[in-house]
């Protein structure tokens, strides 16, 4: 999934598609792969995915849900 996410952020849609397909084949329930797959089907700017991930993590924190993540800053 890291390869798919990295390729998506770089704008490499072909590699993103292949890496996401492999991840979904290995685990059809992989939420990150499903989100990136949806982003490929419904294009949005790569920077907005990062913003949405941060927003989702903040919302989870507000709800008392702990998500193990590291900053990309």
PDB file of N, CA and C in Angstrom:
ATOM      1  N   UNK A   1       0.806  -1.181   0.000  1.00  0.00           N
ATOM      2  CA  UNK A   1       0.000   0.000   0.000  1.00  0.00           C
ATOM      3  C   UNK A   1       0.854   1.252   0.000  1.00  0.00           C
ATOM      4  N   UNK A   2       2.017   1.189   0.625  1.00  0.00           N
ATOM      5  CA  UNK A   2       2.893   2.351   0.643  1.00  0.00           C
ATOM      6  C   UNK A   2       3.296   2.745  -0.778  1.00  0.00           C
ATOM      7  N   UNK A   3       3.554   1.757  -1.621  1.00  0.00           N
ATOM      8  CA  UNK A   3       3.903   2.037  -3.011  1.00  0.00           C
ATOM      9  C   UNK A   3       2.745   2.727  -3.729  1.00  0.00           C
ATOM     10  N   UNK A   4       1.534   2.243  -3.535  1.00  0.00           N
ATOM     11  CA  UNK A   4       0.366   2.848  -4.180  1.00  0.00           C
ATOM     12  C   UNK A   4       0.168   4.281  -3.700  1.00  0.00           C
ATOM     13  N   UNK A   5       0.276   4.511  -2.418  1.00  0.00           N
ATOM     14  CA  UNK A   5       0.083   5.848  -1.853  1.00  0.00           C
ATOM     15  C   UNK A   5       1.167   6.801  -2.359  1.00  0.00           C
ATOM     16  N   UNK A   6       2.410   6.339  -2.356  1.00  0.00           N
ATOM     17  CA  UNK A   6       3.520   7.151  -2.829  1.00  0.00           C
ATOM     18  C   UNK A   6       3.350   7.489  -4.309  1.00  0.00           C
ATOM     19  N   UNK A   7       2.987   6.494  -5.107  1.00  0.00           N
ATOM     20  CA  UNK A   7       2.778   6.728  -6.542  1.00  0.00           C
ATOM     21  C   UNK A   7       1.630   7.702  -6.770  1.00  0.00           C
ATOM     22  N   UNK A   8       0.576   7.574  -5.984  1.00  0.00           N
ATOM     23  CA  UNK A   8      -0.562   8.481  -6.106  1.00  0.00           C
ATOM     24  C   UNK A   8      -0.146   9.915  -5.814  1.00  0.00           C
ATOM     25  N   UNK A   9       0.617  10.110  -4.745  1.00  0.00           N
ATOM     26  CA  UNK A   9       1.059  11.457  -4.388  1.00  0.00           C
ATOM     27  C   UNK A   9       1.977  12.054  -5.444  1.00  0.00           C
ATOM     28  N   UNK A  10       2.728  11.202  -6.156  1.00  0.00           N
ATOM     29  CA  UNK A  10       3.612  11.672  -7.220  1.00  0.00           C
ATOM     30  C   UNK A  10       2.866  11.865  -8.543  1.00  0.00           C
ATOM     31  N   UNK A  11       1.608  11.436  -8.594  1.00  0.00           N
ATOM     32  CA  UNK A  11       0.835  11.588  -9.822  1.00  0.00           C
ATOM     33  C   UNK A  11       1.064  10.488 -10.833  1.00  0.00           C
ATOM     34  N   UNK A  12       1.675   9.384 -10.418  1.00  0.00           N
ATOM     35  CA  UNK A  12       1.932   8.246 -11.310  1.00  0.00           C
ATOM     36  C   UNK A  12       0.724   7.315 -11.285  1.00  0.00           C
ATOM     37  N   UNK A  13      -0.257   7.626 -12.122  1.00  0.00           N
ATOM     38  CA  UNK A  13      -1.527   6.880 -12.069  1.00  0.00           C
ATOM     39  C   UNK A  13      -1.375   5.419 -12.501  1.00  0.00           C
ATOM     40  N   UNK A  14      -0.457   5.132 -13.421  1.00  0.00           N
ATOM     41  CA  UNK A  14      -0.284   3.742 -13.857  1.00  0.00           C
ATOM     42  C   UNK A  14       0.249   2.871 -12.720  1.00  0.00           C
ATOM     43  N   UNK A  15       1.297   3.343 -12.049  1.00  0.00           N
ATOM     44  CA  UNK A  15       1.860   2.582 -10.930  1.00  0.00           C
ATOM     45  C   UNK A  15       0.864   2.512  -9.773  1.00  0.00           C
ATOM     46  N   UNK A  16       0.160   3.600  -9.534  1.00  0.00           N
ATOM     47  CA  UNK A  16      -0.858   3.602  -8.488  1.00  0.00           C
ATOM     48  C   UNK A  16      -1.900   2.534  -8.756  1.00  0.00           C
ATOM     49  N   UNK A  17      -2.352   2.455  -9.986  1.00  0.00           N
ATOM     50  CA  UNK A  17      -3.374   1.479 -10.361  1.00  0.00           C
ATOM     51  C   UNK A  17      -2.892   0.044 -10.159  1.00  0.00           C
ATOM     52  N   UNK A  18      -1.679  -0.239 -10.612  1.00  0.00           N
ATOM     53  CA  UNK A  18      -1.129  -1.593 -10.474  1.00  0.00           C
ATOM     54  C   UNK A  18      -0.930  -1.948  -8.996  1.00  0.00           C
ATOM     55  N   UNK A  19      -0.315  -1.039  -8.244  1.00  0.00           N
ATOM     56  CA  UNK A  19      -0.038  -1.313  -6.830  1.00  0.00           C
ATOM     57  C   UNK A  19      -1.331  -1.464  -6.029  1.00  0.00           C
ATOM     58  N   UNK A  20      -2.336  -0.670  -6.363  1.00  0.00           N
ATOM     59  CA  UNK A  20      -3.620  -0.769  -5.668  1.00  0.00           C
ATOM     60  C   UNK A  20      -4.313  -2.083  -6.006  1.00  0.00           C
ATOM     61  N   UNK A  21      -4.252  -2.478  -7.275  1.00  0.00           N
ATOM     62  CA  UNK A  21      -4.852  -3.754  -7.687  1.00  0.00           C
ATOM     63  C   UNK A  21      -4.209  -4.936  -6.965  1.00  0.00           C
ATOM     64  N   UNK A  22      -2.893  -4.899  -6.843  1.00  0.00           N
ATOM     65  CA  UNK A  22      -2.177  -5.972  -6.136  1.00  0.00           C
ATOM     66  C   UNK A  22      -2.594  -6.003  -4.669  1.00  0.00           C
ATOM     67  N   UNK A  23      -2.659  -4.840  -4.047  1.00  0.00           N
ATOM     68  CA  UNK A  23      -3.051  -4.766  -2.635  1.00  0.00           C
ATOM     69  C   UNK A  23      -4.478  -5.273  -2.436  1.00  0.00           C
ATOM     70  N   UNK A  24      -5.389  -4.905  -3.330  1.00  0.00           N
ATOM     71  CA  UNK A  24      -6.777  -5.351  -3.195  1.00  0.00           C
ATOM     72  C   UNK A  24      -6.921  -6.849  -3.469  1.00  0.00           C
ATOM     73  N   UNK A  25      -6.094  -7.374  -4.367  1.00  0.00           N
ATOM     74  CA  UNK A  25      -6.116  -8.816  -4.621  1.00  0.00           C
ATOM     75  C   UNK A  25      -5.643  -9.577  -3.379  1.00  0.00           C
ATOM     76  N   UNK A  26      -4.623  -9.023  -2.708  1.00  0.00           N
ATOM     77  CA  UNK A  26      -4.090  -9.667  -1.500  1.00  0.00           C
ATOM     78  C   UNK A  26      -5.060  -9.553  -0.332  1.00  0.00           C
ATOM     79  N   UNK A  27      -5.738  -8.406  -0.224  1.00  0.00           N
ATOM     80  CA  UNK A  27      -6.668  -8.178   0.883  1.00  0.00           C
ATOM     81  C   UNK A  27      -7.787  -7.245   0.408  1.00  0.00           C
ATOM     82  N   UNK A  28      -8.893  -7.824  -0.071  1.00  0.00           N
ATOM     83  CA  UNK A  28      -9.991  -7.006  -0.606  1.00  0.00           C
ATOM     84  C   UNK A  28     -10.580  -6.025   0.411  1.00  0.00           C
ATOM     85  N   UNK A  29     -10.341  -6.227   1.682  1.00  0.00           N
ATOM     86  CA  UNK A  29     -10.863  -5.348   2.708  1.00  0.00           C
ATOM     87  C   UNK A  29      -9.918  -4.231   3.112  1.00  0.00           C
ATOM     88  N   UNK A  30      -8.743  -4.169   2.496  1.00  0.00           N
ATOM     89  CA  UNK A  30      -7.743  -3.150   2.837  1.00  0.00           C
ATOM     90  C   UNK A  30      -8.322  -1.762   2.565  1.00  0.00           C
ATOM     91  N   UNK A  31      -8.584  -1.024   3.640  1.00  0.00           N
ATOM     92  CA  UNK A  31      -9.292   0.254   3.532  1.00  0.00           C
ATOM     93  C   UNK A  31      -8.499   1.294   2.756  1.00  0.00           C
ATOM     94  N   UNK A  32      -7.187   1.360   2.955  1.00  0.00           N
ATOM     95  CA  UNK A  32      -6.391   2.347   2.231  1.00  0.00           C
ATOM     96  C   UNK A  32      -6.408   2.062   0.743  1.00  0.00           C
ATOM     97  N   UNK A  33      -6.300   0.799   0.374  1.00  0.00           N
ATOM     98  CA  UNK A  33      -6.362   0.436  -1.047  1.00  0.00           C
ATOM     99  C   UNK A  33      -7.720   0.798  -1.636  1.00  0.00           C
ATOM    100  N   UNK A  34      -8.764   0.561  -0.887  1.00  0.00           N
ATOM    101  CA  UNK A  34     -10.103   0.900  -1.371  1.00  0.00           C
ATOM    102  C   UNK A  34     -10.267   2.408  -1.544  1.00  0.00           C
ATOM    103  N   UNK A  35      -9.705   3.189  -0.631  1.00  0.00           N
ATOM    104  CA  UNK A  35      -9.780   4.647  -0.742  1.00  0.00           C
ATOM    105  C   UNK A  35      -9.005   5.156  -1.956  1.00  0.00           C
ATOM    106  N   UNK A  36      -7.808   4.628  -2.166  1.00  0.00           N
ATOM    107  CA  UNK A  36      -7.018   5.056  -3.317  1.00  0.00           C
ATOM    108  C   UNK A  36      -7.685   4.613  -4.613  1.00  0.00           C
ATOM    109  N   UNK A  37      -8.246   3.412  -4.618  1.00  0.00           N
ATOM    110  CA  UNK A  37      -8.975   2.938  -5.799  1.00  0.00           C
ATOM    111  C   UNK A  37     -10.139   3.876  -6.112  1.00  0.00           C
ATOM    112  N   UNK A  38     -10.851   4.293  -5.086  1.00  0.00           N
ATOM    113  CA  UNK A  38     -11.958   5.239  -5.277  1.00  0.00           C
ATOM    114  C   UNK A  38     -11.436   6.582  -5.778  1.00  0.00           C
ATOM    115  N   UNK A  39     -10.285   7.004  -5.271  1.00  0.00           N
ATOM    116  CA  UNK A  39      -9.702   8.271  -5.719  1.00  0.00           C
ATOM    117  C   UNK A  39      -9.296   8.199  -7.179  1.00  0.00           C
ATOM    118  N   UNK A  40      -8.853   7.017  -7.629  1.00  0.00           N
ATOM    119  CA  UNK A  40      -8.507   6.852  -9.044  1.00  0.00           C
ATOM    120  C   UNK A  40      -9.749   6.939  -9.920  1.00  0.00           C
ATOM    121  N   UNK A  41     -10.850   6.381  -9.430  1.00  0.00           N
ATOM    122  CA  UNK A  41     -12.104   6.416 -10.192  1.00  0.00           C
ATOM    123  C   UNK A  41     -12.761   7.788 -10.149  1.00  0.00           C
ATOM    124  N   UNK A  42     -12.466   8.563  -9.115  1.00  0.00           N
ATOM    125  CA  UNK A  42     -13.041   9.894  -8.937  1.00  0.00           C
ATOM    126  C   UNK A  42     -11.888  10.848  -8.667  1.00  0.00           C
ATOM    127  N   UNK A  43     -11.210  11.281  -9.724  1.00  0.00           N
ATOM    128  CA  UNK A  43      -9.970  12.045  -9.563  1.00  0.00           C
ATOM    129  C   UNK A  43     -10.093  13.256  -8.641  1.00  0.00           C
ATOM    130  N   UNK A  44      -9.045  13.437  -7.835  1.00  0.00           N
ATOM    131  CA  UNK A  44      -8.901  14.603  -6.993  1.00  0.00           C
ATOM    132  C   UNK A  44      -7.420  14.917  -6.912  1.00  0.00           C
ATOM    133  N   UNK A  45      -7.099  16.088  -6.520  1.00  0.00           N
ATOM    134  CA  UNK A  45      -5.697  16.478  -6.439  1.00  0.00           C
ATOM    135  C   UNK A  45      -4.980  15.660  -5.370  1.00  0.00           C
ATOM    136  N   UNK A  46      -3.757  15.234  -5.681  1.00  0.00           N
ATOM    137  CA  UNK A  46      -3.002  14.391  -4.749  1.00  0.00           C
ATOM    138  C   UNK A  46      -2.868  15.054  -3.381  1.00  0.00           C
ATOM    139  N   UNK A  47      -2.652  16.346  -3.341  1.00  0.00           N
ATOM    140  CA  UNK A  47      -2.510  17.055  -2.068  1.00  0.00           C
ATOM    141  C   UNK A  47      -3.757  16.982  -1.222  1.00  0.00           C
ATOM    142  N   UNK A  48      -4.914  16.867  -1.844  1.00  0.00           N
ATOM    143  CA  UNK A  48      -6.146  16.826  -1.067  1.00  0.00           C
ATOM    144  C   UNK A  48      -6.314  15.493  -0.341  1.00  0.00           C
ATOM    145  N   UNK A  49      -5.709  14.429  -0.853  1.00  0.00           N
ATOM    146  CA  UNK A  49      -5.793  13.147  -0.146  1.00  0.00           C
ATOM    147  C   UNK A  49      -5.074  13.261   1.188  1.00  0.00           C
ATOM    148  N   UNK A  50      -3.896  13.864   1.182  1.00  0.00           N
ATOM    149  CA  UNK A  50      -3.143  14.033   2.423  1.00  0.00           C
ATOM    150  C   UNK A  50      -3.942  14.873   3.421  1.00  0.00           C
ATOM    151  N   UNK A  51      -4.559  15.931   2.945  1.00  0.00           N
ATOM    152  CA  UNK A  51      -5.374  16.785   3.822  1.00  0.00           C
ATOM    153  C   UNK A  51      -6.533  15.981   4.405  1.00  0.00           C
ATOM    154  N   UNK A  52      -7.188  15.178   3.565  1.00  0.00           N
ATOM    155  CA  UNK A  52      -8.312  14.378   4.036  1.00  0.00           C
ATOM    156  C   UNK A  52      -7.879  13.306   5.029  1.00  0.00           C
ATOM    157  N   UNK A  53      -6.701  12.734   4.818  1.00  0.00           N
ATOM    158  CA  UNK A  53      -6.178  11.747   5.771  1.00  0.00           C
ATOM    159  C   UNK A  53      -5.947  12.415   7.123  1.00  0.00           C
ATOM    160  N   UNK A  54      -5.356  13.590   7.113  1.00  0.00           N
ATOM    161  CA  UNK A  54      -5.104  14.318   8.369  1.00  0.00           C
ATOM    162  C   UNK A  54      -6.422  14.711   9.043  1.00  0.00           C
ATOM    163  N   UNK A  55      -7.391  15.153   8.247  1.00  0.00           N
ATOM    164  CA  UNK A  55      -8.698  15.513   8.785  1.00  0.00           C
ATOM    165  C   UNK A  55      -9.365  14.295   9.423  1.00  0.00           C
ATOM    166  N   UNK A  56      -9.297  13.153   8.747  1.00  0.00           N
ATOM    167  CA  UNK A  56      -9.887  11.927   9.281  1.00  0.00           C
ATOM    168  C   UNK A  56      -9.224  11.495  10.575  1.00  0.00           C
ATOM    169  N   UNK A  57      -7.893  11.619  10.624  1.00  0.00           N
ATOM    170  CA  UNK A  57      -7.175  11.256  11.849  1.00  0.00           C
ATOM    171  C   UNK A  57      -7.556  12.190  12.996  1.00  0.00           C
ATOM    172  N   UNK A  58      -7.698  13.477  12.701  1.00  0.00           N
ATOM    173  CA  UNK A  58      -8.098  14.436  13.740  1.00  0.00           C
ATOM    174  C   UNK A  58      -9.515  14.150  14.225  1.00  0.00           C
ATOM    175  N   UNK A  59     -10.401  13.822  13.286  1.00  0.00           N
ATOM    176  CA  UNK A  59     -11.782  13.501  13.662  1.00  0.00           C
ATOM    177  C   UNK A  59     -11.816  12.254  14.536  1.00  0.00           C
ATOM    178  N   UNK A  60     -10.999  11.251  14.186  1.00  0.00           N
ATOM    179  CA  UNK A  60     -10.946  10.032  14.990  1.00  0.00           C
ATOM    180  C   UNK A  60     -10.459  10.339  16.398  1.00  0.00           C
ATOM    181  N   UNK A  61      -9.448  11.184  16.505  1.00  0.00           N
ATOM    182  CA  UNK A  61      -8.928  11.579  17.814  1.00  0.00           C
ATOM    183  C   UNK A  61     -10.015  12.260  18.643  1.00  0.00           C
ATOM    184  N   UNK A  62     -10.766  13.155  17.989  1.00  0.00           N
ATOM    185  CA  UNK A  62     -11.861  13.843  18.688  1.00  0.00           C
ATOM    186  C   UNK A  62     -12.903  12.861  19.206  1.00  0.00           C
ATOM    187  N   UNK A  63     -13.054  11.739  18.496  1.00  0.00           N
ATOM    188  CA  UNK A  63     -14.030  10.724  18.898  1.00  0.00           C
ATOM    189  C   UNK A  63     -13.448   9.720  19.894  1.00  0.00           C
ATOM    190  N   UNK A  64     -12.159   9.893  20.224  1.00  0.00           N
ATOM    191  CA  UNK A  64     -11.521   8.987  21.171  1.00  0.00           C
ATOM    192  C   UNK A  64     -10.957   7.733  20.539  1.00  0.00           C
ATOM    193  N   UNK A  65     -10.837   7.722  19.220  1.00  0.00           N
ATOM    194  CA  UNK A  65     -10.273   6.569  18.506  1.00  0.00           C
ATOM    195  C   UNK A  65      -8.787   6.813  18.317  1.00  0.00           C
ATOM    196  N   UNK A  66      -7.965   5.845  18.700  1.00  0.00           N
ATOM    197  CA  UNK A  66      -6.523   5.972  18.554  1.00  0.00           C
ATOM    198  C   UNK A  66      -6.094   5.341  17.242  1.00  0.00           C
ATOM    199  N   UNK A  67      -5.407   6.124  16.426  1.00  0.00           N
ATOM    200  CA  UNK A  67      -4.874   5.634  15.151  1.00  0.00           C
ATOM    201  C   UNK A  67      -3.366   5.758  15.208  1.00  0.00           C
ATOM    202  N   UNK A  68      -2.687   4.652  14.979  1.00  0.00           N
ATOM    203  CA  UNK A  68      -1.219   4.659  14.975  1.00  0.00           C
ATOM    204  C   UNK A  68      -0.769   5.212  13.633  1.00  0.00           C
ATOM    205  N   UNK A  69      -0.261   6.446  13.624  1.00  0.00           N
ATOM    206  CA  UNK A  69       0.229   7.062  12.389  1.00  0.00           C
ATOM    207  C   UNK A  69       1.433   7.925  12.707  1.00  0.00           C
ATOM    208  N   UNK A  70       2.207   8.190  11.674  1.00  0.00           N
ATOM    209  CA  UNK A  70       3.356   9.064  11.834  1.00  0.00           C
ATOM    210  C   UNK A  70       3.197  10.263  10.924  1.00  0.00           C
ATOM    211  N   UNK A  71       3.778  11.353  11.305  1.00  0.00           N
ATOM    212  CA  UNK A  71       3.694  12.591  10.535  1.00  0.00           C
ATOM    213  C   UNK A  71       4.593  12.498   9.306  1.00  0.00           C
ATOM    214  N   UNK A  72       4.141  13.107   8.216  1.00  0.00           N
ATOM    215  CA  UNK A  72       4.953  13.166   7.000  1.00  0.00           C
ATOM    216  C   UNK A  72       5.646  14.508   6.883  1.00  0.00           C
ATOM    217  N   UNK A  73       5.532  15.352   7.916  1.00  0.00           N
ATOM    218  CA  UNK A  73       6.162  16.669   7.883  1.00  0.00           C
ATOM    219  C   UNK A  73       7.634  16.564   8.198  1.00  0.00           C
TER     220      UNK A  73
END
